[in-house]
Amino acid sequence: MEVQAVAPTAPHLNGLKGDFDPIAIVRAEPLPPVVAAENGVHGNDDKGNGGAKQKEIVLGRNVHTACLEVTEPDANDHFTGDKDAYMAGVLARYRNNLLERTKHHLGYPYNLDFDYGALSQLQHFSINNLGDPFIESNYGVHSRQFEVGVLDWFARLWEIERDEYWGYITNCGTEGNLHGILMGREVFPDGILYASRESHYSVFKAARMYRMECVKVDCLTSGEIDCSDLKKQLLANKDKPAILNVNIGTTVKGAVDDLDLVIKTLEENGFPQDRFYIHCDGALFGLMMPFVKRAPKVSFKKPIGSVSVSGHKFVGCPMPCGVQLTRMSHIKVLSNNVEYLASRDATIMGSRNGHAPIFLWYTLNKKGYKGFQKEVQKCLRNAHYLKDKLRDAGISAMLNELSSTVVFERPHDEFFVRRWQLACQGNIAHVVVMPNVTIEKLDGFLEELAEKRKLWYKGSGGDGVAPSPPCVAVDIGSENCDCGLHK
């Protein structure tokens, strides 16, 4: 007797009524058409009712005006290969654009000088370091052995023993700040977060996320935290513990907060070590500072709680990532065992990029301490070259002693700003001199800036006929301002 196969049915599986065929194929329907808004701009109106009012763009340009549409492949594309050819063309043009944009990249702290061709063989794997770096989960396609090697390297750099630290490779610098400040909040649930006004925006984002009371501390002209104002703010809140964000290089001016003076200010004003937590945001300069003579040392031998640094900045990792280290004694207040992972959860994110630790490990092995020291010296030397050339050309400019971030007057033309990818704030802009920024690139930038300024300020003399270079004395000090009032 022949038995016919019958598809299994589950009349009430998950609330479904009637027969359910788990292997049935739904007939493909065409995708719904895209409803085009007026002026070719996507988005809802300000009442959220799906109207066609043009979306307001506060900063930058509307990316939707140049987006690459996702289209469905044709039925016969398997034979013609038209879709593959189209995508190959798009990617080729995109690569050429990246090459051009890389040539004119000066304003953001990314080291674009790297070669990871040896790691291309690993791009076929989905590497995920979910869970605790020091506890292997049931997911076997990971790179924990690389991750812990990288963490040990940074532990030596910041002077903490293997059995005294905990850390992980983050997905970006902001995650390092989020984790460090969360650690402070967990250690001192009623603590107040103190951060200078020139701290990275992620610090204040953390305060909002964690519903923390946050006090913004004034800065010196250099961008460094003003410890006299810090003292005043601490004394106004002596009844609560202090959680401090200390900047090892501010975002705009590259200023380095005096860690030793911050600790002294705390201890002299009624905050012993058991009543404060310090997170050091070393996004860019956290890796450069150990190789700068006379620079204050960031070390766990001092009463700090955590340090974070970005991996895609000075190190030159091609994807955003970072390193976060804290004390093992602190991490216990944040840890939870997760049976699903067969690991411990103490990170901000669940899944973590398993490729990033391999890229970091590769670079650290290839360059080592001596290699980074040479690159730091090159960056500082070139930064002083740029600052001196700007001042020689009559352009207001400032460079903090421990920094490779050159601050100068904001260019008058926004097209020039976008062309060189400059970061601007108010009347100032900056160039962050990274290992890939050569003297030749700086000379090209300086030559073009000088030519443009002749056009921008042609005939300027304070008579209101033509614009004059901005006064930036408030931003960088009168001694560094070359405007008509301060020459």
Protein backbone atom coordinates (compact mmCIF):
# COMPACT_ATOMS: atom_id res chain seq x y z
CA MET A 1 0.00 0.00 0.00
CA GLU A 2 1.45 3.35 -1.09
CA VAL A 3 1.38 6.08 1.51
CA GLN A 4 1.20 9.67 0.29
CA ALA A 5 3.15 12.32 2.17
CA VAL A 6 0.90 14.81 3.81
CA ALA A 7 2.14 18.22 4.92
CA PRO A 8 1.87 18.55 8.69
CA THR A 9 -0.81 20.85 9.98
CA ALA A 10 -1.11 22.77 13.18
CA PRO A 11 -4.62 24.19 13.41
CA HIS A 12 -3.93 26.43 16.37
CA LEU A 13 -0.14 26.83 16.26
CA ASN A 14 0.75 30.24 17.69
CA GLY A 15 -2.85 31.31 17.41
CA LEU A 16 -3.16 30.58 13.66
CA LYS A 17 -6.53 29.23 12.57
CA GLY A 18 -7.04 26.60 9.90
CA ASP A 19 -4.44 24.47 8.14
CA PHE A 20 -0.86 25.66 8.23
CA ASP A 21 1.68 24.41 5.68
CA PRO A 22 5.21 25.24 6.89
CA ILE A 23 6.75 24.55 3.48
CA ALA A 24 4.27 26.45 1.37
CA ILE A 25 5.73 29.29 -0.70
CA VAL A 26 4.02 32.64 -0.78
CA ARG A 27 3.52 33.94 -4.30
CA ALA A 28 5.83 36.90 -4.81
CA GLU A 29 4.00 40.19 -5.09
CA PRO A 30 5.52 43.34 -6.54
CA LEU A 31 6.91 45.78 -4.00
CA PRO A 32 4.65 48.73 -3.22
CA PRO A 33 5.55 51.84 -5.21
CA VAL A 34 7.57 54.56 -3.50
CA VAL A 35 5.44 57.60 -2.81
CA ALA A 36 7.51 60.55 -3.94
CA ALA A 37 7.27 63.70 -1.86
CA GLU A 38 7.33 67.18 -3.31
CA ASN A 39 10.75 68.44 -4.44
CA GLY A 40 11.96 64.83 -4.49
CA VAL A 41 12.51 64.81 -0.73
CA HIS A 42 11.40 61.87 1.40
CA GLY A 43 9.84 62.36 4.79
CA ASN A 44 6.77 63.36 6.74
CA ASP A 45 5.62 66.85 7.49
CA ASP A 46 6.08 68.40 10.89
CA LYS A 47 2.70 67.08 12.03
CA GLY A 48 3.68 63.50 11.33
CA ASN A 49 0.75 62.88 8.96
CA GLY A 50 2.73 61.74 5.96
CA GLY A 51 2.39 65.01 4.06
CA ALA A 52 4.77 66.14 1.38
CA LYS A 53 6.26 69.12 3.16
CA GLN A 54 10.01 69.37 2.59
CA LYS A 55 12.07 68.01 5.47
CA GLU A 56 14.05 70.63 7.34
CA ILE A 57 17.77 69.96 7.35
CA VAL A 58 19.46 71.72 10.24
CA LEU A 59 23.09 70.88 9.50
CA GLY A 60 24.86 69.45 6.48
CA ARG A 61 23.19 68.32 3.30
CA ASN A 62 20.19 66.10 2.72
CA VAL A 63 21.61 62.67 1.85
CA HIS A 64 18.29 61.59 0.35
CA THR A 65 18.96 63.85 -2.62
CA ALA A 66 21.87 61.59 -3.60
CA CYS A 67 20.82 58.20 -2.25
CA LEU A 68 21.26 54.99 -4.23
CA GLU A 69 17.90 53.33 -4.70
CA VAL A 70 17.51 49.63 -3.97
CA THR A 71 15.81 47.95 -6.93
CA GLU A 72 14.52 44.41 -7.46
CA PRO A 73 16.48 42.19 -9.87
CA ASP A 74 14.84 41.31 -13.20
CA ALA A 75 13.49 37.81 -13.69
CA ASN A 76 16.17 36.97 -16.27
CA ASP A 77 19.04 38.62 -14.43
CA HIS A 78 20.42 35.21 -13.48
CA PHE A 79 21.25 34.70 -17.15
CA THR A 80 22.11 38.22 -18.31
CA GLY A 81 24.12 39.40 -15.32
CA ASP A 82 22.85 42.95 -15.86
CA LYS A 83 22.31 43.53 -12.14
CA ASP A 84 25.82 42.40 -11.24
CA ALA A 85 27.27 44.67 -13.89
CA TYR A 86 25.21 47.61 -12.63
CA MET A 87 26.29 47.09 -9.02
CA ALA A 88 29.94 46.67 -10.05
CA GLY A 89 29.74 50.03 -11.82
CA VAL A 90 28.21 51.72 -8.80
CA LEU A 91 30.88 50.33 -6.49
CA ALA A 92 33.68 51.34 -8.87
CA ARG A 93 32.43 54.91 -8.96
CA TYR A 94 32.04 54.89 -5.18
CA ARG A 95 35.63 53.69 -4.77
CA ASN A 96 36.87 56.53 -6.96
CA ASN A 97 34.90 58.96 -4.81
CA LEU A 98 36.50 57.53 -1.67
CA LEU A 99 39.95 57.98 -3.19
CA GLU A 100 39.22 61.62 -3.94
CA ARG A 101 37.66 62.29 -0.54
CA THR A 102 40.64 60.68 1.21
CA LYS A 103 42.98 63.11 -0.55
CA HIS A 104 41.11 66.05 0.98
CA HIS A 105 40.58 64.83 4.52
CA LEU A 106 41.92 67.02 7.31
CA GLY A 107 39.26 67.89 9.88
CA TYR A 108 38.45 64.59 11.58
CA PRO A 109 40.80 62.46 13.71
CA TYR A 110 41.01 59.37 11.51
CA ASN A 111 44.28 57.76 10.50
CA LEU A 112 43.75 56.77 6.86
CA ASP A 113 47.25 55.33 6.42
CA PHE A 114 46.87 51.56 6.68
CA ASP A 115 47.05 48.33 4.70
CA TYR A 116 45.07 45.33 5.91
CA GLY A 117 45.27 43.23 2.76
CA ALA A 118 46.50 40.28 4.80
CA LEU A 119 43.16 40.18 6.62
CA SER A 120 40.94 39.99 3.54
CA GLN A 121 40.88 36.20 3.89
CA LEU A 122 38.75 36.61 7.05
CA GLN A 123 35.94 38.67 5.50
CA HIS A 124 33.98 35.51 4.64
CA PHE A 125 33.29 34.79 8.31
CA SER A 126 30.66 36.18 10.66
CA ILE A 127 32.87 36.83 13.68
CA ASN A 128 30.91 37.86 16.77
CA ASN A 129 32.38 38.40 20.24
CA LEU A 130 29.07 38.43 22.09
CA GLY A 131 29.29 38.37 25.86
CA ASP A 132 32.29 38.74 28.14
CA PRO A 133 35.70 38.71 26.36
CA PHE A 134 37.16 36.54 29.12
CA ILE A 135 34.37 33.92 29.13
CA GLU A 136 33.86 31.90 25.94
CA SER A 137 30.23 31.52 24.89
CA ASN A 138 28.72 28.61 22.96
CA TYR A 139 29.11 30.60 19.74
CA GLY A 140 32.41 29.40 18.35
CA VAL A 141 33.08 31.87 15.52
CA HIS A 142 34.70 34.55 17.67
CA SER A 143 38.03 36.34 18.10
CA ARG A 144 38.37 36.50 21.89
CA GLN A 145 41.98 35.34 21.74
CA PHE A 146 42.82 38.46 19.70
CA GLU A 147 40.60 40.70 21.84
CA VAL A 148 42.23 39.73 25.14
CA GLY A 149 45.68 40.12 23.59
CA VAL A 150 44.79 43.69 22.60
CA LEU A 151 43.36 44.40 26.06
CA ASP A 152 46.54 43.12 27.73
CA TRP A 153 48.60 45.46 25.52
CA PHE A 154 46.57 48.47 26.64
CA ALA A 155 46.66 47.29 30.26
CA ARG A 156 50.46 47.46 30.11
CA LEU A 157 50.24 50.91 28.49
CA TRP A 158 47.98 52.22 31.28
CA GLU A 159 49.80 50.33 34.06
CA ILE A 160 47.35 47.85 35.50
CA GLU A 161 47.95 44.15 36.19
CA ARG A 162 46.15 41.44 34.24
CA ASP A 163 44.19 40.19 37.22
CA GLU A 164 43.14 43.71 38.25
CA TYR A 165 41.47 44.96 35.06
CA TRP A 166 38.43 44.14 32.96
CA GLY A 167 37.72 45.50 29.50
CA TYR A 168 36.44 44.88 26.02
CA ILE A 169 36.63 46.09 22.43
CA THR A 170 33.76 48.52 21.93
CA ASN A 171 31.96 49.41 18.72
CA CYS A 172 33.08 53.07 18.92
CA GLY A 173 34.51 55.72 21.22
CA THR A 174 31.07 56.81 22.36
CA GLU A 175 30.37 53.31 23.68
CA GLY A 176 33.54 53.55 25.76
CA ASN A 177 32.25 56.77 27.33
CA LEU A 178 28.80 55.27 27.87
CA HIS A 179 30.35 52.28 29.64
CA GLY A 180 32.80 54.30 31.73
CA ILE A 181 30.15 56.72 32.96
CA LEU A 182 27.74 53.84 33.60
CA MET A 183 30.41 52.24 35.76
CA GLY A 184 30.66 55.46 37.76
CA ARG A 185 26.89 55.63 38.14
CA GLU A 186 26.71 51.98 39.31
CA VAL A 187 29.52 52.52 41.84
CA PHE A 188 27.91 55.76 43.06
CA PRO A 189 24.16 55.61 42.24
CA ASP A 190 23.56 59.06 43.78
CA GLY A 191 26.71 60.62 42.33
CA ILE A 192 26.81 63.80 40.24
CA LEU A 193 28.53 63.76 36.84
CA TYR A 194 31.01 66.61 36.27
CA ALA A 195 32.34 67.30 32.77
CA SER A 196 33.91 70.32 31.12
CA ARG A 197 31.83 72.22 28.60
CA GLU A 198 34.18 71.09 25.82
CA SER A 199 33.73 67.39 26.58
CA HIS A 200 32.52 65.17 23.75
CA TYR A 201 28.76 65.23 23.20
CA SER A 202 28.55 61.53 24.13
CA VAL A 203 29.30 62.44 27.76
CA PHE A 204 26.18 64.56 28.01
CA LYS A 205 24.26 61.94 26.04
CA ALA A 206 25.23 59.43 28.75
CA ALA A 207 23.91 61.78 31.44
CA ARG A 208 20.54 61.97 29.66
CA MET A 209 20.39 58.22 29.06
CA TYR A 210 21.16 57.36 32.67
CA ARG A 211 19.07 60.20 34.13
CA MET A 212 22.13 61.51 35.95
CA GLU A 213 22.48 64.97 37.41
CA CYS A 214 25.18 66.61 35.31
CA VAL A 215 27.21 69.75 36.03
CA LYS A 216 29.04 71.46 33.16
CA VAL A 217 32.36 72.92 34.31
CA ASP A 218 33.91 75.99 32.69
CA CYS A 219 37.04 75.73 30.54
CA LEU A 220 40.20 77.73 30.09
CA THR A 221 40.80 79.36 26.70
CA SER A 222 42.90 76.33 25.76
CA GLY A 223 39.84 74.09 26.19
CA GLU A 224 41.22 72.47 29.36
CA ILE A 225 38.90 72.07 32.35
CA ASP A 226 39.02 75.04 34.74
CA CYS A 227 39.79 73.46 38.12
CA SER A 228 38.91 76.66 39.96
CA ASP A 229 35.36 76.35 38.65
CA LEU A 230 35.45 72.60 39.34
CA LYS A 231 36.28 73.41 42.97
CA LYS A 232 33.30 75.78 43.18
CA GLN A 233 30.94 73.18 41.70
CA LEU A 234 32.22 70.42 44.00
CA LEU A 235 31.79 72.55 47.11
CA ALA A 236 28.20 73.29 46.09
CA ASN A 237 27.46 69.53 46.10
CA LYS A 238 29.62 68.14 48.90
CA ASP A 239 26.86 65.82 50.09
CA LYS A 240 27.01 63.66 46.93
CA PRO A 241 29.84 61.59 45.41
CA ALA A 242 31.56 62.93 42.30
CA ILE A 243 31.75 61.16 38.93
CA LEU A 244 34.17 62.97 36.64
CA ASN A 245 34.86 62.82 32.93
CA VAL A 246 38.47 63.83 32.28
CA ASN A 247 39.37 64.64 28.67
CA ILE A 248 42.61 63.31 27.28
CA GLY A 249 42.24 65.59 24.28
CA THR A 250 39.05 67.60 23.74
CA THR A 251 37.11 67.24 20.50
CA VAL A 252 37.58 70.75 19.08
CA LYS A 253 40.83 72.12 20.55
CA GLY A 254 42.66 68.94 21.50
CA ALA A 255 43.10 70.17 25.07
CA VAL A 256 44.28 67.70 27.72
CA ASP A 257 42.74 68.04 31.17
CA ASP A 258 45.30 67.98 33.97
CA LEU A 259 44.44 64.65 35.59
CA ASP A 260 46.75 65.22 38.57
CA LEU A 261 45.25 68.64 39.25
CA VAL A 262 41.72 67.22 39.00
CA ILE A 263 42.57 64.53 41.58
CA LYS A 264 44.20 67.13 43.84
CA THR A 265 41.13 69.39 43.55
CA LEU A 266 38.88 66.51 44.57
CA GLU A 267 40.95 65.44 47.55
CA GLU A 268 41.55 68.97 48.85
CA ASN A 269 37.84 69.75 48.82
CA GLY A 270 36.43 66.88 50.84
CA PHE A 271 36.31 64.07 48.28
CA PRO A 272 38.55 61.15 49.32
CA GLN A 273 39.15 58.30 46.87
CA ASP A 274 36.12 56.37 48.09
CA ARG A 275 33.82 59.24 47.10
CA PHE A 276 34.80 59.85 43.48
CA TYR A 277 35.06 57.98 40.20
CA ILE A 278 37.09 59.25 37.23
CA HIS A 279 36.54 58.17 33.64
CA CYS A 280 39.26 59.25 31.20
CA ASP A 281 38.02 59.90 27.66
CA GLY A 282 41.14 59.30 25.60
CA ALA A 283 39.39 58.88 22.24
CA LEU A 284 42.31 60.24 20.18
CA PHE A 285 45.14 61.27 22.50
CA GLY A 286 44.76 58.36 24.90
CA LEU A 287 47.14 56.41 22.69
CA MET A 288 49.36 59.38 21.78
CA MET A 289 49.96 60.79 25.27
CA PRO A 290 52.18 57.94 26.57
CA PHE A 291 54.71 58.84 23.86
CA VAL A 292 54.80 62.62 24.47
CA LYS A 293 57.54 63.93 26.75
CA ARG A 294 56.35 65.99 29.73
CA ALA A 295 52.77 64.83 29.14
CA PRO A 296 50.83 63.92 32.30
CA LYS A 297 50.58 60.16 32.58
CA VAL A 298 47.26 58.33 32.36
CA SER A 299 47.75 55.39 34.68
CA PHE A 300 45.66 53.08 36.84
CA LYS A 301 48.30 53.63 39.51
CA LYS A 302 46.37 56.85 40.03
CA PRO A 303 42.82 56.72 41.44
CA ILE A 304 40.99 56.52 38.11
CA GLY A 305 38.13 54.14 37.37
CA SER A 306 38.25 53.65 33.60
CA VAL A 307 39.91 54.71 30.35
CA SER A 308 38.57 54.53 26.80
CA VAL A 309 40.26 55.11 23.46
CA SER A 310 39.06 54.88 19.86
CA GLY A 311 40.55 52.25 17.56
CA HIS A 312 39.59 53.94 14.30
CA LYS A 313 41.44 57.16 15.11
CA PHE A 314 45.17 57.12 15.79
CA VAL A 315 45.48 53.33 15.46
CA GLY A 316 43.93 53.40 11.99
CA CYS A 317 41.35 50.62 12.16
CA PRO A 318 39.09 50.79 9.04
CA MET A 319 35.88 50.30 11.03
CA PRO A 320 34.70 52.25 14.09
CA CYS A 321 35.78 50.55 17.30
CA GLY A 322 37.42 51.31 20.62
CA VAL A 323 39.03 49.94 23.77
CA GLN A 324 37.51 50.28 27.23
CA LEU A 325 39.35 49.31 30.42
CA THR A 326 38.12 49.48 34.01
CA ARG A 327 39.00 47.90 37.32
CA MET A 328 37.90 44.32 37.97
CA SER A 329 36.64 45.41 41.39
CA HIS A 330 34.15 47.77 39.70
CA ILE A 331 32.80 45.48 37.01
CA LYS A 332 31.13 43.18 39.53
CA VAL A 333 28.38 45.77 40.11
CA LEU A 334 27.49 45.63 36.41
CA SER A 335 27.76 41.93 35.62
CA ASN A 336 24.97 39.42 35.06
CA ASN A 337 25.29 35.79 33.98
CA VAL A 338 23.35 34.96 30.81
CA GLU A 339 22.55 31.27 30.29
CA TYR A 340 21.62 31.82 26.64
CA LEU A 341 25.18 32.99 25.96
CA ALA A 342 26.86 30.69 28.47
CA SER A 343 28.72 33.86 29.34
CA ARG A 344 28.52 37.02 31.41
CA ASP A 345 26.94 40.28 30.30
CA ALA A 346 28.84 43.41 31.32
CA THR A 347 29.05 45.34 28.04
CA ILE A 348 26.80 48.02 26.58
CA MET A 349 26.06 46.13 23.35
CA GLY A 350 25.20 42.46 23.02
CA SER A 351 26.80 41.39 19.77
CA ARG A 352 30.20 42.95 19.14
CA ASN A 353 32.29 43.21 15.98
CA GLY A 354 34.68 40.28 16.08
CA HIS A 355 36.72 41.58 13.15
CA ALA A 356 37.78 44.78 14.95
CA PRO A 357 40.01 43.05 17.56
CA ILE A 358 41.85 41.26 14.75
CA PHE A 359 42.56 44.54 12.95
CA LEU A 360 43.76 46.12 16.20
CA TRP A 361 45.91 43.09 17.06
CA TYR A 362 47.45 43.18 13.57
CA THR A 363 48.37 46.88 13.86
CA LEU A 364 49.74 46.64 17.40
CA ASN A 365 51.95 43.73 16.38
CA LYS A 366 53.13 45.48 13.22
CA LYS A 367 53.96 48.86 14.82
CA GLY A 368 54.54 48.20 18.49
CA TYR A 369 55.40 50.88 21.02
CA LYS A 370 58.35 52.19 18.98
CA GLY A 371 56.26 52.45 15.82
CA PHE A 372 53.56 54.45 17.56
CA GLN A 373 56.20 56.67 19.15
CA LYS A 374 57.58 57.58 15.72
CA GLU A 375 54.10 58.33 14.40
CA VAL A 376 53.29 60.55 17.39
CA GLN A 377 56.51 62.52 16.84
CA LYS A 378 55.67 62.91 13.15
CA CYS A 379 52.14 64.15 13.92
CA LEU A 380 53.31 66.72 16.48
CA ARG A 381 56.09 67.93 14.18
CA ASN A 382 53.70 68.38 11.25
CA ALA A 383 51.10 70.05 13.48
CA HIS A 384 53.64 72.69 14.55
CA TYR A 385 54.58 73.14 10.88
CA LEU A 386 50.96 73.83 9.97
CA LYS A 387 50.42 76.23 12.89
CA ASP A 388 53.57 78.21 12.04
CA LYS A 389 52.67 78.43 8.35
CA LEU A 390 49.16 79.67 9.17
CA ARG A 391 50.54 82.36 11.48
CA ASP A 392 53.15 83.37 8.88
CA ALA A 393 50.30 83.87 6.42
CA GLY A 394 48.46 86.16 8.86
CA ILE A 395 45.85 83.56 9.77
CA SER A 396 44.74 83.22 13.39
CA ALA A 397 45.80 79.82 14.74
CA MET A 398 46.43 77.96 18.00
CA LEU A 399 48.02 74.64 18.91
CA ASN A 400 47.93 73.20 22.42
CA GLU A 401 51.32 71.98 23.60
CA LEU A 402 50.34 68.30 23.86
CA SER A 403 48.12 68.23 20.79
CA SER A 404 48.17 67.64 17.04
CA THR A 405 44.89 69.55 16.57
CA VAL A 406 45.52 72.92 14.94
CA VAL A 407 42.70 75.42 15.54
CA PHE A 408 42.30 78.39 13.18
CA GLU A 409 39.77 80.88 11.88
CA ARG A 410 36.77 79.33 10.16
CA PRO A 411 37.02 79.58 6.35
CA HIS A 412 34.49 81.99 4.87
CA ASP A 413 33.34 79.56 2.15
CA GLU A 414 31.37 76.45 3.19
CA PHE A 415 32.28 74.75 -0.09
CA PHE A 416 35.93 74.97 0.97
CA VAL A 417 34.98 73.56 4.37
CA ARG A 418 33.27 70.55 2.77
CA ARG A 419 36.04 70.03 0.23
CA TRP A 420 38.65 69.66 2.98
CA GLN A 421 36.18 68.04 5.41
CA LEU A 422 36.95 70.52 8.16
CA ALA A 423 35.24 70.33 11.54
CA CYS A 424 33.89 73.74 12.57
CA GLN A 425 32.40 75.34 15.67
CA GLY A 426 31.37 78.97 15.66
CA ASN A 427 34.21 81.10 14.27
CA ILE A 428 36.85 78.39 14.43
CA ALA A 429 37.76 75.26 12.49
CA HIS A 430 40.48 72.70 13.02
CA VAL A 431 42.81 70.32 11.26
CA VAL A 432 43.72 67.11 13.10
CA VAL A 433 47.17 66.05 11.95
CA MET A 434 47.20 62.26 11.70
CA PRO A 435 49.94 59.91 10.42
CA ASN A 436 48.48 60.06 6.90
CA VAL A 437 48.67 63.88 6.82
CA THR A 438 51.93 64.68 5.07
CA ILE A 439 53.75 67.97 4.62
CA GLU A 440 52.79 67.81 0.93
CA LYS A 441 49.09 67.57 1.80
CA LEU A 442 49.41 70.45 4.26
CA ASP A 443 51.21 72.59 1.69
CA GLY A 444 48.40 71.95 -0.80
CA PHE A 445 45.82 72.94 1.79
CA LEU A 446 47.74 76.07 2.81
CA GLU A 447 48.22 77.19 -0.79
CA GLU A 448 44.53 76.77 -1.59
CA LEU A 449 43.46 78.49 1.64
CA ALA A 450 45.73 81.47 0.96
CA GLU A 451 44.35 81.86 -2.58
CA LYS A 452 40.74 81.60 -1.39
CA ARG A 453 41.28 84.17 1.36
CA LYS A 454 42.40 86.72 -1.23
CA LEU A 455 38.98 86.36 -2.84
CA TRP A 456 36.97 86.16 0.38
CA TYR A 457 38.49 89.25 1.96
CA LYS A 458 39.38 91.27 -1.13
CA GLY A 459 39.20 94.93 -0.24
CA SER A 460 38.28 94.25 3.39
CA GLY A 461 39.30 97.01 5.74
CA GLY A 462 36.57 97.36 8.25
CA ASP A 463 34.51 99.69 6.04
CA GLY A 464 31.68 97.16 5.68
CA VAL A 465 32.21 96.82 1.93
CA ALA A 466 33.80 93.36 2.08
CA PRO A 467 33.90 90.77 4.88
CA SER A 468 36.88 90.73 7.22
CA PRO A 469 38.52 87.68 8.79
CA PRO A 470 36.67 86.77 11.99
CA CYS A 471 38.00 87.74 15.41
CA VAL A 472 38.68 84.53 17.33
CA ALA A 473 40.28 86.02 20.45
CA VAL A 474 37.47 84.67 22.63
CA ASP A 475 38.01 81.18 21.19
CA ILE A 476 41.81 80.89 21.10
CA GLY A 477 43.12 83.94 22.97
CA SER A 478 44.09 87.41 21.76
CA GLU A 479 47.73 86.35 21.47
CA ASN A 480 46.73 83.86 18.76
CA CYS A 481 44.23 86.10 16.96
CA ASP A 482 45.39 87.89 13.81
CA CYS A 483 42.28 89.95 13.13
CA GLY A 484 42.40 93.72 12.61
CA LEU A 485 41.99 94.37 16.33
CA HIS A 486 44.70 92.01 17.58
CA LYS A 487 47.48 92.04 15.01
